C-alpha atoms as a PDB file:
ATOM      1  CA  MET A   1      76.211  82.466  92.275  1.00  0.00           C
ATOM      2  CA  ASN A   2      79.277  81.512  94.568  1.00  0.00           C
ATOM      3  CA  PRO A   3      82.794  82.329  94.207  1.00  0.00           C
ATOM      4  CA  ILE A   4      85.452  79.683  93.325  1.00  0.00           C
ATOM      5  CA  SER A   5      86.403  79.879  97.104  1.00  0.00           C
ATOM      6  CA  LYS A   6      86.287  82.307  99.618  1.00  0.00           C
ATOM      7  CA  LEU A   7      89.450  82.519 100.654  1.00  0.00           C
ATOM      8  CA  GLY A   8      92.903  82.910  98.712  1.00  0.00           C
ATOM      9  CA  ILE A   9      96.465  82.375 100.436  1.00  0.00           C
ATOM     10  CA  GLY A  10      99.974  82.981  99.784  1.00  0.00           C
ATOM     11  CA  PRO A  11     102.207  80.122  99.582  1.00  0.00           C
ATOM     12  CA  MET A  12     105.057  80.850 101.781  1.00  0.00           C
ATOM     13  CA  SER A  13     105.893  77.733 101.925  1.00  0.00           C
ATOM     14  CA  GLU A  14     105.654  73.937 100.964  1.00  0.00           C
ATOM     15  CA  GLU A  15     104.072  73.526 104.670  1.00  0.00           C
ATOM     16  CA  ILE A  16     101.480  76.202 103.689  1.00  0.00           C
ATOM     17  CA  ILE A  17     100.706  74.946 100.326  1.00  0.00           C
ATOM     18  CA  GLU A  18     100.200  71.257 101.207  1.00  0.00           C
ATOM     19  CA  SER A  19      98.025  72.538 104.191  1.00  0.00           C
ATOM     20  CA  VAL A  20      95.803  74.315 101.765  1.00  0.00           C
ATOM     21  CA  PHE A  21      95.240  70.989  99.996  1.00  0.00           C
ATOM     22  CA  SER A  22      94.801  68.943 102.832  1.00  0.00           C
ATOM     23  CA  TYR A  23      92.223  71.088 104.320  1.00  0.00           C
ATOM     24  CA  SER A  24      90.676  71.145 101.118  1.00  0.00           C
ATOM     25  CA  GLU A  25      90.233  67.786 100.706  1.00  0.00           C
ATOM     26  CA  LYS A  26      89.250  66.767 104.147  1.00  0.00           C
ATOM     27  CA  ASN A  27      86.602  69.588 104.513  1.00  0.00           C
ATOM     28  CA  SER A  28      85.044  69.221 100.536  1.00  0.00           C
ATOM     29  CA  GLU A  29      86.152  73.900 101.406  1.00  0.00           C
ATOM     30  CA  PRO A  30      87.802  74.957  97.836  1.00  0.00           C
ATOM     31  CA  LEU A  31      90.883  77.160  98.812  1.00  0.00           C
ATOM     32  CA  MET A  32      93.048  79.653  96.113  1.00  0.00           C
ATOM     33  CA  LEU A  33      96.367  79.972  96.275  1.00  0.00           C
ATOM     34  CA  THR A  34      97.341  83.120  95.013  1.00  0.00           C
ATOM     35  CA  ALA A  35     100.991  83.572  94.151  1.00  0.00           C
ATOM     36  CA  SER A  36     102.639  86.845  94.188  1.00  0.00           C
ATOM     37  CA  LYS A  37     105.774  87.582  91.516  1.00  0.00           C
ATOM     38  CA  ASN A  38     108.262  87.742  94.425  1.00  0.00           C
ATOM     39  CA  GLN A  39     106.916  84.706  95.745  1.00  0.00           C
ATOM     40  CA  ILE A  40     106.801  82.302  92.024  1.00  0.00           C
ATOM     41  CA  ASP A  41     108.140  83.536  88.993  1.00  0.00           C
ATOM     42  CA  TRP A  42     109.033  82.547  85.689  1.00  0.00           C
ATOM     43  CA  ASN A  43     112.235  83.168  86.851  1.00  0.00           C
ATOM     44  CA  GLY A  44     112.296  82.118  90.563  1.00  0.00           C
ATOM     45  CA  GLY A  45     110.617  83.798  93.087  1.00  0.00           C
ATOM     46  CA  TYR A  46     111.797  83.267  97.279  1.00  0.00           C
ATOM     47  CA  VAL A  47     109.740  80.399  98.066  1.00  0.00           C
ATOM     48  CA  ASN A  48     112.028  77.735  97.287  1.00  0.00           C
ATOM     49  CA  ASN A  49     113.668  79.831  94.475  1.00  0.00           C
ATOM     50  CA  TRP A  50     110.819  77.880  92.588  1.00  0.00           C
ATOM     51  CA  THR A  51     109.954  79.060  88.618  1.00  0.00           C
ATOM     52  CA  THR A  52     106.647  79.245  87.528  1.00  0.00           C
ATOM     53  CA  LYS A  53     107.265  75.272  86.126  1.00  0.00           C
ATOM     54  CA  GLU A  54     108.996  74.052  89.516  1.00  0.00           C
ATOM     55  CA  TYR A  55     106.123  75.534  91.933  1.00  0.00           C
ATOM     56  CA  MET A  56     103.247  73.304  89.068  1.00  0.00           C
ATOM     57  CA  ASP A  57     105.473  70.372  89.253  1.00  0.00           C
ATOM     58  CA  PHE A  58     105.223  70.794  93.127  1.00  0.00           C
ATOM     59  CA  ILE A  59     101.492  71.269  92.877  1.00  0.00           C
ATOM     60  CA  LYS A  60     100.950  68.193  90.789  1.00  0.00           C
ATOM     61  CA  LYS A  61     102.716  66.042  93.590  1.00  0.00           C
ATOM     62  CA  LEU A  62      99.920  67.444  96.032  1.00  0.00           C
ATOM     63  CA  ARG A  63      96.863  66.903  93.765  1.00  0.00           C
ATOM     64  CA  GLY A  64      97.780  63.216  93.425  1.00  0.00           C
ATOM     65  CA  LYS A  65      98.266  62.928  96.973  1.00  0.00           C
ATOM     66  CA  TYR A  66      95.127  64.660  98.026  1.00  0.00           C
ATOM     67  CA  GLY A  67      92.731  63.785  94.820  1.00  0.00           C
ATOM     68  CA  GLN A  68      89.809  65.461  96.057  1.00  0.00           C
ATOM     69  CA  ALA A  69      90.825  68.466  97.492  1.00  0.00           C
ATOM     70  CA  LYS A  70      89.800  71.616  94.613  1.00  0.00           C
ATOM     71  CA  VAL A  71      92.546  74.408  94.858  1.00  0.00           C
ATOM     72  CA  TYR A  72      92.521  76.937  92.537  1.00  0.00           C
ATOM     73  CA  ILE A  73      96.444  78.027  91.469  1.00  0.00           C
ATOM     74  CA  CYS A  74      96.398  81.809  90.589  1.00  0.00           C
ATOM     75  CA  ARG A  75      98.202  84.645  90.195  1.00  0.00           C
ATOM     76  CA  ASP A  76      98.270  87.629  92.806  1.00  0.00           C
ATOM     77  CA  HIS A  77      99.241  91.057  91.950  1.00  0.00           C
ATOM     78  CA  CYS A  78     100.545  90.920  88.135  1.00  0.00           C
ATOM     79  CA  GLY A  79     101.608  94.171  86.947  1.00  0.00           C
ATOM     80  CA  PRO A  80     104.856  96.147  86.393  1.00  0.00           C
ATOM     81  CA  GLY A  81     106.283  97.149  89.572  1.00  0.00           C
ATOM     82  CA  PHE A  82     105.769  93.957  91.539  1.00  0.00           C
ATOM     83  CA  LYS A  83     109.617  92.701  91.585  1.00  0.00           C
ATOM     84  CA  GLY A  84     109.856  93.144  87.459  1.00  0.00           C
ATOM     85  CA  LYS A  85     109.329  96.829  86.397  1.00  0.00           C
ATOM     86  CA  GLU A  86     108.802  96.518  82.763  1.00  0.00           C
ATOM     87  CA  LEU A  87     105.837  95.449  80.804  1.00  0.00           C
ATOM     88  CA  ASP A  88     107.741  92.408  79.363  1.00  0.00           C
ATOM     89  CA  ASP A  89     108.471  91.040  82.314  1.00  0.00           C
ATOM     90  CA  THR A  90     104.776  91.363  83.091  1.00  0.00           C
ATOM     91  CA  TYR A  91     104.225  89.628  79.845  1.00  0.00           C
ATOM     92  CA  ARG A  92     106.790  86.616  80.494  1.00  0.00           C
ATOM     93  CA  THR A  93     104.608  86.277  84.040  1.00  0.00           C
ATOM     94  CA  ILE A  94     101.535  85.660  81.906  1.00  0.00           C
ATOM     95  CA  ASP A  95     102.891  83.267  79.304  1.00  0.00           C
ATOM     96  CA  ALA A  96     104.244  81.053  82.140  1.00  0.00           C
ATOM     97  CA  ASP A  97     101.361  81.353  84.365  1.00  0.00           C
ATOM     98  CA  ILE A  98      99.131  80.428  81.310  1.00  0.00           C
ATOM     99  CA  GLU A  99     101.101  77.476  80.322  1.00  0.00           C
ATOM    100  CA  ASN A 100     101.845  76.196  83.729  1.00  0.00           C
ATOM    101  CA  GLY A 101      97.864  76.051  83.894  1.00  0.00           C
ATOM    102  CA  PHE A 102      96.816  78.501  86.206  1.00  0.00           C
ATOM    103  CA  ASP A 103      93.387  79.125  86.918  1.00  0.00           C
ATOM    104  CA  LEU A 104      93.152  82.830  88.166  1.00  0.00           C
ATOM    105  CA  ILE A 105      95.245  86.104  87.281  1.00  0.00           C
ATOM    106  CA  HIS A 106      94.920  89.217  88.689  1.00  0.00           C
ATOM    107  CA  VAL A 107      95.879  92.291  87.013  1.00  0.00           C
ATOM    108  CA  ASP A 108      97.311  94.709  88.666  1.00  0.00           C
ATOM    109  CA  TYR A 109      98.981  98.039  87.305  1.00  0.00           C
ATOM    110  CA  CYS A 110      98.934 100.338  89.922  1.00  0.00           C
ATOM    111  CA  HIS A 111     102.379 100.836  90.061  1.00  0.00           C
ATOM    112  CA  TYR A 112     102.399 101.672  85.959  1.00  0.00           C
ATOM    113  CA  HIS A 113     103.997 104.506  85.470  1.00  0.00           C
ATOM    114  CA  GLY A 114     101.032 106.689  83.807  1.00  0.00           C
ATOM    115  CA  SER A 115      97.854 108.225  84.270  1.00  0.00           C
ATOM    116  CA  LYS A 116      94.678 106.530  85.434  1.00  0.00           C
ATOM    117  CA  GLU A 117      93.518 106.297  81.694  1.00  0.00           C
ATOM    118  CA  GLU A 118      96.936 104.923  80.482  1.00  0.00           C
ATOM    119  CA  ILE A 119      96.848 102.118  83.794  1.00  0.00           C
ATOM    120  CA  ILE A 120      93.341 101.369  82.619  1.00  0.00           C
ATOM    121  CA  LYS A 121      94.431 101.186  79.321  1.00  0.00           C
ATOM    122  CA  GLU A 122      97.370  98.663  80.030  1.00  0.00           C
ATOM    123  CA  SER A 123      95.033  96.555  81.942  1.00  0.00           C
ATOM    124  CA  LYS A 124      92.729  96.469  78.929  1.00  0.00           C
ATOM    125  CA  LYS A 125      95.298  95.539  76.842  1.00  0.00           C
ATOM    126  CA  ALA A 126      96.862  92.812  79.493  1.00  0.00           C
ATOM    127  CA  ILE A 127      93.142  91.036  80.206  1.00  0.00           C
ATOM    128  CA  GLU A 128      92.430  90.941  76.209  1.00  0.00           C
ATOM    129  CA  TYR A 129      95.893  89.169  75.877  1.00  0.00           C
ATOM    130  CA  ILE A 130      94.865  86.473  78.734  1.00  0.00           C
ATOM    131  CA  LYS A 131      91.853  85.871  77.305  1.00  0.00           C
ATOM    132  CA  SER A 132      92.913  85.433  73.596  1.00  0.00           C
ATOM    133  CA  LYS A 133      95.562  83.123  75.112  1.00  0.00           C
ATOM    134  CA  LYS A 134      93.383  80.851  77.292  1.00  0.00           C
ATOM    135  CA  PRO A 135      89.668  82.084  77.165  1.00  0.00           C
ATOM    136  CA  GLU A 136      88.666  80.151  80.601  1.00  0.00           C
ATOM    137  CA  THR A 137      91.247  81.926  82.310  1.00  0.00           C
ATOM    138  CA  LEU A 138      89.442  83.270  85.447  1.00  0.00           C
ATOM    139  CA  ILE A 139      90.161  87.094  86.016  1.00  0.00           C
ATOM    140  CA  GLU A 140      90.930  89.130  88.809  1.00  0.00           C
ATOM    141  CA  ILE A 141      91.548  93.475  88.366  1.00  0.00           C
ATOM    142  CA  GLY A 142      91.944  96.120  90.432  1.00  0.00           C
ATOM    143  CA  THR A 143      94.406  99.113  89.979  1.00  0.00           C
ATOM    144  CA  ASP A 144      94.335 100.650  93.477  1.00  0.00           C
ATOM    145  CA  GLU A 145      97.134 100.635  95.985  1.00  0.00           C
ATOM    146  CA  ASN A 146      96.246  99.518  99.022  1.00  0.00           C
ATOM    147  CA  THR A 147      96.620 101.820 101.615  1.00  0.00           C
ATOM    148  CA  GLY A 148      93.807 101.691 103.766  1.00  0.00           C
ATOM    149  CA  ALA A 149      92.265 104.904 102.889  1.00  0.00           C
ATOM    150  CA  PHE A 150      88.632 105.502 103.198  1.00  0.00           C
ATOM    151  CA  LEU A 151      86.958 106.223  99.456  1.00  0.00           C
ATOM    152  CA  ASP A 152      84.050 107.338  99.214  1.00  0.00           C
ATOM    153  CA  ASP A 153      83.273 108.115  95.152  1.00  0.00           C
ATOM    154  CA  VAL A 154      81.128 105.111  93.967  1.00  0.00           C
ATOM    155  CA  SER A 155      81.376 106.737  90.335  1.00  0.00           C
ATOM    156  CA  ILE A 156      84.912 105.869  90.039  1.00  0.00           C
ATOM    157  CA  ILE A 157      84.597 102.807  91.229  1.00  0.00           C
ATOM    158  CA  GLU A 158      81.421 101.949  88.563  1.00  0.00           C
ATOM    159  CA  LYS A 159      83.488 103.256  85.635  1.00  0.00           C
ATOM    160  CA  GLU A 160      86.098 101.493  86.037  1.00  0.00           C
ATOM    161  CA  ILE A 161      84.430  98.211  86.268  1.00  0.00           C
ATOM    162  CA  ASN A 162      82.381  98.808  83.092  1.00  0.00           C
ATOM    163  CA  LEU A 163      85.633  99.907  81.259  1.00  0.00           C
ATOM    164  CA  PHE A 164      87.221  97.049  81.896  1.00  0.00           C
ATOM    165  CA  MET A 165      84.016  94.508  81.119  1.00  0.00           C
ATOM    166  CA  GLU A 166      84.525  95.498  77.744  1.00  0.00           C
ATOM    167  CA  SER A 167      87.084  93.493  77.418  1.00  0.00           C
ATOM    168  CA  ALA A 168      86.364  90.479  78.952  1.00  0.00           C
ATOM    169  CA  LYS A 169      84.242  89.315  81.902  1.00  0.00           C
ATOM    170  CA  ILE A 170      85.499  90.027  85.166  1.00  0.00           C
ATOM    171  CA  ASP A 171      85.394  87.482  87.888  1.00  0.00           C
ATOM    172  CA  PHE A 172      86.927  89.080  90.946  1.00  0.00           C
ATOM    173  CA  PHE A 173      87.380  93.032  91.165  1.00  0.00           C
ATOM    174  CA  VAL A 174      89.761  94.165  94.060  1.00  0.00           C
ATOM    175  CA  CYS A 175      87.977  96.651  96.382  1.00  0.00           C
ATOM    176  CA  GLN A 176      89.579  99.002  98.726  1.00  0.00           C
ATOM    177  CA  THR A 177      88.078  98.279 102.106  1.00  0.00           C
ATOM    178  CA  GLY A 178      89.950 100.224 104.567  1.00  0.00           C
ATOM    179  CA  SER A 179      92.128  96.826 105.888  1.00  0.00           C
ATOM    180  CA  LEU A 180      95.872  98.085 106.084  1.00  0.00           C
ATOM    181  CA  ILE A 181      98.756  95.563 107.375  1.00  0.00           C
ATOM    182  CA  LYS A 182     101.641  96.940 109.606  1.00  0.00           C
ATOM    183  CA  GLU A 183     104.176  94.926 111.275  1.00  0.00           C
ATOM    184  CA  ILE A 184     102.113  92.111 112.727  1.00  0.00           C
ATOM    185  CA  ASN A 185      99.021  93.727 112.746  1.00  0.00           C
ATOM    186  CA  GLN A 186      95.639  94.653 110.926  1.00  0.00           C
ATOM    187  CA  ILE A 187      95.538  98.349 112.084  1.00  0.00           C
ATOM    188  CA  GLY A 188      93.004  99.025 109.108  1.00  0.00           C
ATOM    189  CA  ASP A 189      89.260  99.816 109.606  1.00  0.00           C
ATOM    190  CA  PHE A 190      86.504  98.065 107.944  1.00  0.00           C
ATOM    191  CA  ASN A 191      84.460 101.156 105.238  1.00  0.00           C
ATOM    192  CA  GLY A 192      81.464  98.989 105.720  1.00  0.00           C
ATOM    193  CA  VAL A 193      79.464 101.911 104.686  1.00  0.00           C
ATOM    194  CA  PHE A 194      81.221 102.216 101.077  1.00  0.00           C
ATOM    195  CA  LEU A 195      81.400  98.324 100.620  1.00  0.00           C
ATOM    196  CA  LYS A 196      77.302  98.094 101.009  1.00  0.00           C
ATOM    197  CA  LYS A 197      77.472 100.661  97.860  1.00  0.00           C
ATOM    198  CA  ILE A 198      80.123  98.772  95.978  1.00  0.00           C
ATOM    199  CA  ARG A 199      78.205  95.385  96.205  1.00  0.00           C
ATOM    200  CA  GLU A 200      75.063  96.695  94.388  1.00  0.00           C
ATOM    201  CA  ILE A 201      77.164  97.369  91.624  1.00  0.00           C
ATOM    202  CA  ALA A 202      79.052  94.149  91.488  1.00  0.00           C
ATOM    203  CA  ASN A 203      75.673  92.275  92.268  1.00  0.00           C
ATOM    204  CA  LYS A 204      74.312  94.080  89.111  1.00  0.00           C
ATOM    205  CA  ARG A 205      77.208  92.871  86.646  1.00  0.00           C
ATOM    206  CA  ASN A 206      77.347  89.271  88.720  1.00  0.00           C
ATOM    207  CA  ILE A 207      80.861  90.104  89.779  1.00  0.00           C
ATOM    208  CA  PHE A 208      82.979  88.870  93.156  1.00  0.00           C
ATOM    209  CA  LEU A 209      84.039  91.176  95.613  1.00  0.00           C
ATOM    210  CA  LYS A 210      87.630  90.293  96.759  1.00  0.00           C
ATOM    211  CA  GLU A 211      90.045  91.756  99.716  1.00  0.00           C
ATOM    212  CA  HIS A 212      93.319  91.624  99.720  1.00  0.00           C
ATOM    213  CA  ASN A 213      95.549  92.327 103.164  1.00  0.00           C
ATOM    214  CA  ALA A 214      92.471  90.805 105.348  1.00  0.00           C
ATOM    215  CA  ASP A 215      95.279  89.272 107.622  1.00  0.00           C
ATOM    216  CA  TYR A 216      95.392  89.177 111.625  1.00  0.00           C
ATOM    217  CA  LEU A 217      91.222  89.843 111.528  1.00  0.00           C
ATOM    218  CA  ASN A 218      89.294  88.282 114.405  1.00  0.00           C
ATOM    219  CA  VAL A 219      86.047  86.980 114.798  1.00  0.00           C
ATOM    220  CA  ASP A 220      84.129  89.885 114.489  1.00  0.00           C
ATOM    221  CA  GLU A 221      85.853  91.907 112.079  1.00  0.00           C
ATOM    222  CA  ILE A 222      85.743  88.879 109.519  1.00  0.00           C
ATOM    223  CA  GLN A 223      81.756  88.929 109.897  1.00  0.00           C
ATOM    224  CA  ARG A 224      81.677  92.584 109.596  1.00  0.00           C
ATOM    225  CA  ARG A 225      82.509  91.113 106.026  1.00  0.00           C
ATOM    226  CA  LYS A 226      79.741  88.676 105.041  1.00  0.00           C
ATOM    227  CA  ASN A 227      77.494  89.486 102.655  1.00  0.00           C
ATOM    228  CA  LEU A 228      79.873  92.653 101.794  1.00  0.00           C
ATOM    229  CA  ILE A 229      82.999  90.567 100.819  1.00  0.00           C
ATOM    230  CA  ASP A 230      83.135  87.482  98.675  1.00  0.00           C
ATOM    231  CA  ALA A 231      86.703  86.713  99.597  1.00  0.00           C
ATOM    232  CA  VAL A 232      89.545  87.539 101.409  1.00  0.00           C
ATOM    233  CA  ASN A 233      93.488  87.291 100.635  1.00  0.00           C
ATOM    234  CA  VAL A 234      95.983  86.358 103.651  1.00  0.00           C
ATOM    235  CA  ALA A 235      99.043  86.160 103.256  1.00  0.00           C
ATOM    236  CA  PRO A 236     102.197  87.256 105.296  1.00  0.00           C
ATOM    237  CA  GLN A 237     100.387  86.383 108.363  1.00  0.00           C
ATOM    238  CA  PHE A 238     100.752  82.356 107.381  1.00  0.00           C
ATOM    239  CA  GLY A 239     104.236  83.056 106.851  1.00  0.00           C
ATOM    240  CA  VAL A 240     104.592  85.132 110.306  1.00  0.00           C
ATOM    241  CA  ILE A 241     102.804  82.131 111.971  1.00  0.00           C
ATOM    242  CA  GLN A 242     105.215  79.377 110.772  1.00  0.00           C
ATOM    243  CA  THR A 243     108.670  82.130 111.983  1.00  0.00           C
ATOM    244  CA  GLN A 244     106.412  82.241 115.466  1.00  0.00           C
ATOM    245  CA  LEU A 245     106.459  78.564 115.638  1.00  0.00           C
ATOM    246  CA  THR A 246     109.808  77.827 114.003  1.00  0.00           C
ATOM    247  CA  ILE A 247     111.513  80.143 117.124  1.00  0.00           C
ATOM    248  CA  GLN A 248     109.151  78.231 119.783  1.00  0.00           C
ATOM    249  CA  LYS A 249     110.676  75.066 118.557  1.00  0.00           C
ATOM    250  CA  CYS A 250     114.074  75.908 118.864  1.00  0.00           C
ATOM    251  CA  LEU A 251     113.052  77.527 122.703  1.00  0.00           C
ATOM    252  CA  LEU A 252     111.892  74.440 123.147  1.00  0.00           C
ATOM    253  CA  TYR A 253     115.089  72.046 121.994  1.00  0.00           C
ATOM    254  CA  GLY A 254     117.714  74.116 122.554  1.00  0.00           C
ATOM    255  CA  ILE A 255     117.941  75.344 118.916  1.00  0.00           C
ATOM    256  CA  ASP A 256     120.408  78.267 118.345  1.00  0.00           C
ATOM    257  CA  PHE A 257     118.207  80.298 115.681  1.00  0.00           C
ATOM    258  CA  LYS A 258     120.498  83.564 115.476  1.00  0.00           C
ATOM    259  CA  ASP A 259     121.947  83.149 112.402  1.00  0.00           C
ATOM    260  CA  PHE A 260     118.107  82.434 110.794  1.00  0.00           C
ATOM    261  CA  ILE A 261     117.156  85.348 112.751  1.00  0.00           C
ATOM    262  CA  ARG A 262     120.631  87.622 111.170  1.00  0.00           C
ATOM    263  CA  ASP A 263     119.740  86.253 107.579  1.00  0.00           C
ATOM    264  CA  ALA A 264     115.442  87.219 107.780  1.00  0.00           C
ATOM    265  CA  TYR A 265     117.071  90.816 109.020  1.00  0.00           C
ATOM    266  CA  ALA A 266     119.866  90.873 106.710  1.00  0.00           C
ATOM    267  CA  SER A 267     117.144  90.672 103.776  1.00  0.00           C
ATOM    268  CA  GLU A 268     115.479  93.761 104.437  1.00  0.00           C
ATOM    269  CA  LYS A 269     111.856  92.232 103.529  1.00  0.00           C
ATOM    270  CA  TRP A 270     110.824  94.558 106.683  1.00  0.00           C
ATOM    271  CA  LYS A 271     111.268  97.881 105.725  1.00  0.00           C
ATOM    272  CA  LYS A 272     107.533  97.980 103.424  1.00  0.00           C
ATOM    273  CA  TRP A 273     105.730  96.828 106.595  1.00  0.00           C
ATOM    274  CA  LEU A 274     106.979  99.200 109.699  1.00  0.00           C
ATOM    275  CA  HIS A 275     105.024 100.942 111.562  1.00  0.00           C
ATOM    276  CA  ASP A 276     105.533 102.748 114.978  1.00  0.00           C
ATOM    277  CA  ASN A 277     108.672 100.700 115.268  1.00  0.00           C
ATOM    278  CA  ARG A 278     112.418 101.573 114.294  1.00  0.00           C
ATOM    279  CA  PRO A 279     115.346  99.296 112.604  1.00  0.00           C
ATOM    280  CA  GLU A 280     116.541  98.990 116.337  1.00  0.00           C
ATOM    281  CA  ASN A 281     113.818  96.683 116.763  1.00  0.00           C
ATOM    282  CA  LYS A 282     115.890  94.105 114.919  1.00  0.00           C
ATOM    283  CA  PHE A 283     114.174  90.852 116.645  1.00  0.00           C
ATOM    284  CA  LEU A 284     110.408  92.031 115.204  1.00  0.00           C
ATOM    285  CA  CYS A 285     112.062  93.338 112.212  1.00  0.00           C
ATOM    286  CA  SER A 286     113.183  89.301 111.860  1.00  0.00           C
ATOM    287  CA  LEU A 287     110.026  88.237 112.358  1.00  0.00           C
ATOM    288  CA  ILE A 288     108.368  90.012 109.737  1.00  0.00           C
ATOM    289  CA  ALA A 289     110.218  89.000 107.603  1.00  0.00           C
ATOM    290  CA  GLY A 290     110.860  85.214 107.966  1.00  0.00           C
ATOM    291  CA  HIS A 291     109.441  84.072 105.737  1.00  0.00           C
ATOM    292  CA  TYR A 292     111.013  85.158 102.459  1.00  0.00           C
ATOM    293  CA  VAL A 293     114.635  83.095 103.780  1.00  0.00           C
ATOM    294  CA  PHE A 294     112.779  80.069 104.687  1.00  0.00           C
ATOM    295  CA  ALA A 295     114.867  78.500 101.183  1.00  0.00           C
ATOM    296  CA  ASN A 296     118.220  79.697 102.834  1.00  0.00           C
ATOM    297  CA  LYS A 297     120.894  77.653 104.385  1.00  0.00           C
ATOM    298  CA  PRO A 298     119.876  78.987 108.032  1.00  0.00           C
ATOM    299  CA  TYR A 299     115.966  77.944 107.877  1.00  0.00           C
ATOM    300  CA  ARG A 300     116.970  74.996 106.317  1.00  0.00           C
ATOM    301  CA  GLU A 301     119.303  73.153 109.134  1.00  0.00           C
ATOM    302  CA  ILE A 302     117.121  74.553 111.830  1.00  0.00           C
ATOM    303  CA  TYR A 303     113.920  72.437 110.084  1.00  0.00           C
ATOM    304  CA  SER A 304     116.022  69.628 109.852  1.00  0.00           C
ATOM    305  CA  THR A 305     117.328  69.588 113.800  1.00  0.00           C
ATOM    306  CA  ILE A 306     113.676  70.384 114.702  1.00  0.00           C
ATOM    307  CA  ASN A 307     112.712  67.325 113.078  1.00  0.00           C
ATOM    308  CA  ARG A 308     114.299  64.853 114.913  1.00  0.00           C
ATOM    309  CA  HIS A 309     112.197  65.686 117.512  1.00  0.00           C
ATOM    310  CA  GLU A 310     108.693  66.000 116.059  1.00  0.00           C
ATOM    311  CA  ASN A 311     106.799  65.865 112.578  1.00  0.00           C
ATOM    312  CA  PHE A 312     107.803  69.567 112.304  1.00  0.00           C
ATOM    313  CA  ARG A 313     106.024  69.376 108.860  1.00  0.00           C
ATOM    314  CA  GLU A 314     102.739  68.256 110.609  1.00  0.00           C
ATOM    315  CA  THR A 315     103.060  71.109 113.252  1.00  0.00           C
ATOM    316  CA  ILE A 316     103.241  73.689 110.637  1.00  0.00           C
ATOM    317  CA  MET A 317     100.359  72.472 108.641  1.00  0.00           C
ATOM    318  CA  ASN A 318      98.010  71.528 111.351  1.00  0.00           C
ATOM    319  CA  GLU A 319      98.644  75.301 112.866  1.00  0.00           C
ATOM    320  CA  MET A 320      97.480  76.745 109.691  1.00  0.00           C
ATOM    321  CA  ILE A 321      94.469  74.782 108.928  1.00  0.00           C
ATOM    322  CA  LYS A 322      93.360  75.889 112.742  1.00  0.00           C
ATOM    323  CA  ASN A 323      93.306  79.796 110.880  1.00  0.00           C
ATOM    324  CA  PHE A 324      91.839  78.509 107.719  1.00  0.00           C
ATOM    325  CA  ASP A 325      89.267  77.861 109.507  1.00  0.00           C
ATOM    326  CA  LEU A 326      88.926  80.978 111.594  1.00  0.00           C
ATOM    327  CA  TYR A 327      87.778  82.802 107.920  1.00  0.00           C
ATOM    328  CA  ILE A 328      86.077  79.631 106.118  1.00  0.00           C
ATOM    329  CA  ASN A 329      83.566  79.435 109.208  1.00  0.00           C
ATOM    330  CA  ASN A 330      83.058  83.089 109.592  1.00  0.00           C
ATOM    331  CA  LEU A 331      82.722  84.818 106.700  1.00  0.00           C
END
């Protein structure tokens, strides 16, 4: 039994999204597009300011262009505290996702203000609601915020899985692996001993294990996950790659990118990613936050100028595809 895909990719830009379809068709490899509520939502997000419907209109065009691609459209981190704080907002996201044909919804109530028991109770309600609206929707579940902490109590995880399975079939369980992204680095430490125990529990229940925050891994680190983790999500890394490429091309062609850097820094989206550095390191902060402002005028103007010199969309897509290969070929 294999998961629907080994790799989930955050849709930070049109170019990244199209590269997913291109890669899937060319390599006959199924992939997942995993949109967070900040990126795409019923009332818009930072990716092209798209609503869920507008995002899916773009997906439909790509499905026409890449007819052999197998790309699953997934909701990442659907729960209160991810953009919208209220439960009503979470359910509006679910409704829009189902209405527009999402394949998978990740129910994540780790930011819900309540006890662990209440978090599980509300998570189960959301799962039951999703299944009542569209039974074939795949379910991903995880109730712990990723902190990079090493876990060792397997019984807690087993109890959670059993409780969720009372509501519906669970397709992916998001497990803490020790991974943690800060700035533009992977600072976590993979907890293989713990994962072997969770793997046994998951196998008995026909559940796939998924790791979030699997960005910035090298070949050896990815291979450590083989036969333990079924699928990984990677998102910020691809946004940073596009930002780096943009700056490189600006330097190559003598294009002023100061307004883009200022815009990225002013967004303050870098704050949650800082680790050893300080806000005074403005260039690093801007590099971290660049993809949050791709839809804004400064970036669009730079993009247009680069395109006078080369097909920048193709350049970005080719770079993304190299990185997809790294994960697909080693997991």
